[in-house]
C-alpha atoms as a PDB file:
ATOM      1  CA  MET A   1      19.582  -8.159  23.779  1.00  0.00           C
ATOM      2  CA  ARG A   2      18.468  -7.029  27.125  1.00  0.00           C
ATOM      3  CA  LYS A   3      15.400  -8.777  28.388  1.00  0.00           C
ATOM      4  CA  LEU A   4      12.828  -6.677  30.310  1.00  0.00           C
ATOM      5  CA  THR A   5      10.047  -7.408  32.581  1.00  0.00           C
ATOM      6  CA  ILE A   6       6.452  -6.357  31.775  1.00  0.00           C
ATOM      7  CA  SER A   7       6.527  -3.622  34.158  1.00  0.00           C
ATOM      8  CA  ALA A   8       9.804  -2.271  32.775  1.00  0.00           C
ATOM      9  CA  VAL A   9       8.284  -2.557  29.315  1.00  0.00           C
ATOM     10  CA  ALA A  10       5.058  -0.606  30.475  1.00  0.00           C
ATOM     11  CA  LYS A  11       7.136   2.115  31.938  1.00  0.00           C
ATOM     12  CA  GLN A  12       9.475   2.442  28.724  1.00  0.00           C
ATOM     13  CA  ALA A  13       6.441   2.331  26.368  1.00  0.00           C
ATOM     14  CA  GLY A  14       4.241   4.705  28.495  1.00  0.00           C
ATOM     15  CA  VAL A  15       1.448   2.254  29.179  1.00  0.00           C
ATOM     16  CA  GLY A  16       0.061   0.249  31.825  1.00  0.00           C
ATOM     17  CA  VAL A  17       0.677  -3.374  32.587  1.00  0.00           C
ATOM     18  CA  GLU A  18      -2.968  -4.142  31.930  1.00  0.00           C
ATOM     19  CA  THR A  19      -2.677  -2.487  28.475  1.00  0.00           C
ATOM     20  CA  ILE A  20       0.257  -4.786  27.657  1.00  0.00           C
ATOM     21  CA  ARG A  21      -1.865  -7.667  28.877  1.00  0.00           C
ATOM     22  CA  TYR A  22      -4.901  -6.512  26.843  1.00  0.00           C
ATOM     23  CA  TYR A  23      -2.809  -6.210  23.649  1.00  0.00           C
ATOM     24  CA  GLN A  24      -1.770  -9.636  24.087  1.00  0.00           C
ATOM     25  CA  ARG A  25      -5.200 -11.075  24.842  1.00  0.00           C
ATOM     26  CA  ILE A  26      -6.522  -9.571  21.468  1.00  0.00           C
ATOM     27  CA  GLY A  27      -3.505 -10.549  19.524  1.00  0.00           C
ATOM     28  CA  LEU A  28      -1.725  -7.222  19.011  1.00  0.00           C
ATOM     29  CA  LEU A  29       1.383  -8.243  20.897  1.00  0.00           C
ATOM     30  CA  ALA A  30       2.844 -11.695  21.444  1.00  0.00           C
ATOM     31  CA  GLU A  31       3.028 -12.982  24.857  1.00  0.00           C
ATOM     32  CA  PRO A  32       6.420 -14.528  25.697  1.00  0.00           C
ATOM     33  CA  VAL A  33       6.751 -17.903  26.930  1.00  0.00           C
ATOM     34  CA  LYS A  34       7.075 -18.215  30.706  1.00  0.00           C
ATOM     35  CA  PRO A  35      10.162 -20.172  31.773  1.00  0.00           C
ATOM     36  CA  ALA A  36       9.598 -22.778  34.449  1.00  0.00           C
ATOM     37  CA  ALA A  37      11.329 -20.658  36.967  1.00  0.00           C
ATOM     38  CA  GLY A  38      11.084 -16.866  36.398  1.00  0.00           C
ATOM     39  CA  TYR A  39       9.190 -14.156  34.644  1.00  0.00           C
ATOM     40  CA  ARG A  40       8.214 -13.616  31.165  1.00  0.00           C
ATOM     41  CA  THR A  41      10.774 -11.221  29.236  1.00  0.00           C
ATOM     42  CA  TYR A  42      10.364  -8.733  26.730  1.00  0.00           C
ATOM     43  CA  SER A  43      12.532  -7.136  24.336  1.00  0.00           C
ATOM     44  CA  GLN A  44      13.024  -3.711  22.710  1.00  0.00           C
ATOM     45  CA  ARG A  45      11.020  -4.841  19.799  1.00  0.00           C
ATOM     46  CA  ASP A  46       7.992  -5.080  22.167  1.00  0.00           C
ATOM     47  CA  ILE A  47       8.489  -1.700  23.170  1.00  0.00           C
ATOM     48  CA  ARG A  48       8.528  -0.595  19.428  1.00  0.00           C
ATOM     49  CA  GLN A  49       5.529  -2.456  18.772  1.00  0.00           C
ATOM     50  CA  ILE A  50       3.551  -0.925  21.561  1.00  0.00           C
ATOM     51  CA  HIS A  51       4.696   2.467  20.303  1.00  0.00           C
ATOM     52  CA  PHE A  52       3.464   1.558  16.827  1.00  0.00           C
ATOM     53  CA  ILE A  53      -0.046   0.788  18.342  1.00  0.00           C
ATOM     54  CA  GLN A  54      -0.186   3.882  20.342  1.00  0.00           C
ATOM     55  CA  ARG A  55       0.741   6.061  17.340  1.00  0.00           C
ATOM     56  CA  ALA A  56      -1.874   4.360  15.187  1.00  0.00           C
ATOM     57  CA  LYS A  57      -4.262   4.894  17.953  1.00  0.00           C
ATOM     58  CA  GLN A  58      -3.435   8.568  17.917  1.00  0.00           C
ATOM     59  CA  LEU A  59      -4.145   8.612  14.156  1.00  0.00           C
ATOM     60  CA  GLY A  60      -7.595   7.380  14.755  1.00  0.00           C
ATOM     61  CA  PHE A  61      -7.029   3.772  13.908  1.00  0.00           C
ATOM     62  CA  SER A  62      -9.232   1.098  15.832  1.00  0.00           C
ATOM     63  CA  LEU A  63      -7.351  -1.737  17.403  1.00  0.00           C
ATOM     64  CA  LYS A  64      -8.965  -4.017  14.696  1.00  0.00           C
ATOM     65  CA  GLU A  65      -7.482  -1.896  12.153  1.00  0.00           C
ATOM     66  CA  ILE A  66      -4.035  -1.767  13.731  1.00  0.00           C
ATOM     67  CA  LYS A  67      -4.023  -5.593  13.897  1.00  0.00           C
ATOM     68  CA  VAL A  68      -4.405  -5.438  10.145  1.00  0.00           C
ATOM     69  CA  LEU A  69      -1.608  -2.805   9.901  1.00  0.00           C
ATOM     70  CA  LEU A  70       0.696  -4.895  11.978  1.00  0.00           C
ATOM     71  CA  SER A  71      -0.027  -8.033   9.789  1.00  0.00           C
ATOM     72  CA  LEU A  72       1.137  -5.959   6.717  1.00  0.00           C
ATOM     73  CA  GLU A  73       4.209  -4.459   8.271  1.00  0.00           C
ATOM     74  CA  GLN A  74       6.718  -3.713   5.318  1.00  0.00           C
ATOM     75  CA  GLY A  75       5.164  -5.723   2.770  1.00  0.00           C
ATOM     76  CA  ASP A  76       1.821  -4.300   1.375  1.00  0.00           C
ATOM     77  CA  CYS A  77       1.993  -0.712   0.586  1.00  0.00           C
ATOM     78  CA  ASP A  78      -1.293  -0.646  -1.495  1.00  0.00           C
ATOM     79  CA  ARG A  79      -3.327  -2.246   1.218  1.00  0.00           C
ATOM     80  CA  THR A  80      -1.889   0.012   3.853  1.00  0.00           C
ATOM     81  CA  ARG A  81      -2.724   3.044   1.721  1.00  0.00           C
ATOM     82  CA  GLN A  82      -6.212   1.816   1.227  1.00  0.00           C
ATOM     83  CA  LEU A  83      -6.603   1.665   4.932  1.00  0.00           C
ATOM     84  CA  ALA A  84      -5.142   5.147   5.543  1.00  0.00           C
ATOM     85  CA  THR A  85      -7.419   6.482   2.798  1.00  0.00           C
ATOM     86  CA  HIS A  86     -10.437   4.944   4.195  1.00  0.00           C
ATOM     87  CA  LYS A  87      -9.401   6.391   7.557  1.00  0.00           C
ATOM     88  CA  LEU A  88      -8.867   9.746   6.100  1.00  0.00           C
ATOM     89  CA  ALA A  89     -12.504   9.732   4.792  1.00  0.00           C
ATOM     90  CA  ASP A  90     -13.666   8.813   8.306  1.00  0.00           C
ATOM     91  CA  VAL A  91     -11.789  11.617   9.879  1.00  0.00           C
ATOM     92  CA  GLN A  92     -13.023  14.088   7.275  1.00  0.00           C
ATOM     93  CA  ASN A  93     -16.692  12.949   7.687  1.00  0.00           C
ATOM     94  CA  LYS A  94     -16.226  13.546  11.583  1.00  0.00           C
ATOM     95  CA  ILE A  95     -14.859  16.862  11.021  1.00  0.00           C
ATOM     96  CA  ARG A  96     -17.815  17.854   8.769  1.00  0.00           C
ATOM     97  CA  ASP A  97     -20.108  16.325  11.442  1.00  0.00           C
ATOM     98  CA  LEU A  98     -18.397  18.344  14.266  1.00  0.00           C
ATOM     99  CA  LYS A  99     -18.619  21.490  12.343  1.00  0.00           C
ATOM    100  CA  ALA A 100     -22.318  21.128  11.733  1.00  0.00           C
ATOM    101  CA  ILE A 101     -22.745  20.529  15.520  1.00  0.00           C
ATOM    102  CA  ALA A 102     -20.690  23.570  16.255  1.00  0.00           C
ATOM    103  CA  THR A 103     -22.698  25.696  13.836  1.00  0.00           C
ATOM    104  CA  THR A 104     -25.919  24.470  15.536  1.00  0.00           C
ATOM    105  CA  LEU A 105     -24.618  25.220  18.959  1.00  0.00           C
ATOM    106  CA  GLU A 106     -23.449  28.660  17.896  1.00  0.00           C
ATOM    107  CA  GLN A 107     -27.014  29.396  16.600  1.00  0.00           C
ATOM    108  CA  LEU A 108     -28.594  28.015  19.859  1.00  0.00           C
ATOM    109  CA  ILE A 109     -26.286  30.185  21.999  1.00  0.00           C
ATOM    110  CA  THR A 110     -27.303  33.165  19.876  1.00  0.00           C
ATOM    111  CA  SER A 111     -30.906  32.452  20.232  1.00  0.00           C
ATOM    112  CA  CYS A 112     -30.611  32.065  24.033  1.00  0.00           C
ATOM    113  CA  GLU A 113     -28.519  35.530  24.217  1.00  0.00           C
ATOM    114  CA  ARG A 114     -31.303  37.189  22.248  1.00  0.00           C
ATOM    115  CA  ASN A 115     -34.222  35.611  24.393  1.00  0.00           C
ATOM    116  CA  GLU A 116     -35.464  38.461  26.214  1.00  0.00           C
ATOM    117  CA  SER A 117     -38.657  36.904  27.436  1.00  0.00           C
ATOM    118  CA  GLY A 118     -36.911  34.632  29.894  1.00  0.00           C
ATOM    119  CA  SER A 119     -39.726  32.449  29.988  1.00  0.00           C
ATOM    120  CA  SER A 120     -38.008  29.471  28.490  1.00  0.00           C
ATOM    121  CA  CYS A 121     -34.568  28.701  27.279  1.00  0.00           C
ATOM    122  CA  PRO A 122     -34.196  28.230  23.514  1.00  0.00           C
ATOM    123  CA  ILE A 123     -31.579  25.705  23.837  1.00  0.00           C
ATOM    124  CA  ILE A 124     -33.528  23.575  26.290  1.00  0.00           C
ATOM    125  CA  ASP A 125     -36.607  23.943  23.734  1.00  0.00           C
ATOM    126  CA  ALA A 126     -34.464  22.813  21.024  1.00  0.00           C
ATOM    127  CA  ILE A 127     -33.029  19.875  22.675  1.00  0.00           C
ATOM    128  CA  SER A 128     -36.631  18.976  23.948  1.00  0.00           C
ATOM    129  CA  ASP A 129     -38.305  19.109  20.455  1.00  0.00           C
ATOM    130  CA  LYS A 130     -38.965  15.901  18.992  1.00  0.00           C
ATOM    131  CA  PRO A 131     -37.625  15.290  15.338  1.00  0.00           C
END
């Protein structure tokens, strides 16, 4: 098994060295023991784990949630499914909220385009209104 330095792992995993150190500090990635003379070395397993973290982040999982996923590994499909189901609900809620924001912005832009008086901007007025 080929051992790699932190910079080689960072390059292969497509992250920065500081990202790896951060993952180690928060417990997402184990920090290898430093030999008395030399550098800490990493393995391909570490690269796979960093890729897992990055893919989970792309799916919207927080680092705290990823830590739970890593602790489950292959063992608990029910718990993993629960986490994924919860994440899907969060994503669907965000999509709903973003659609509402888009609709509001479209309405504001339309009202601005129809504003013939030119005295004030309906968008600025809407943003300035107190709830």
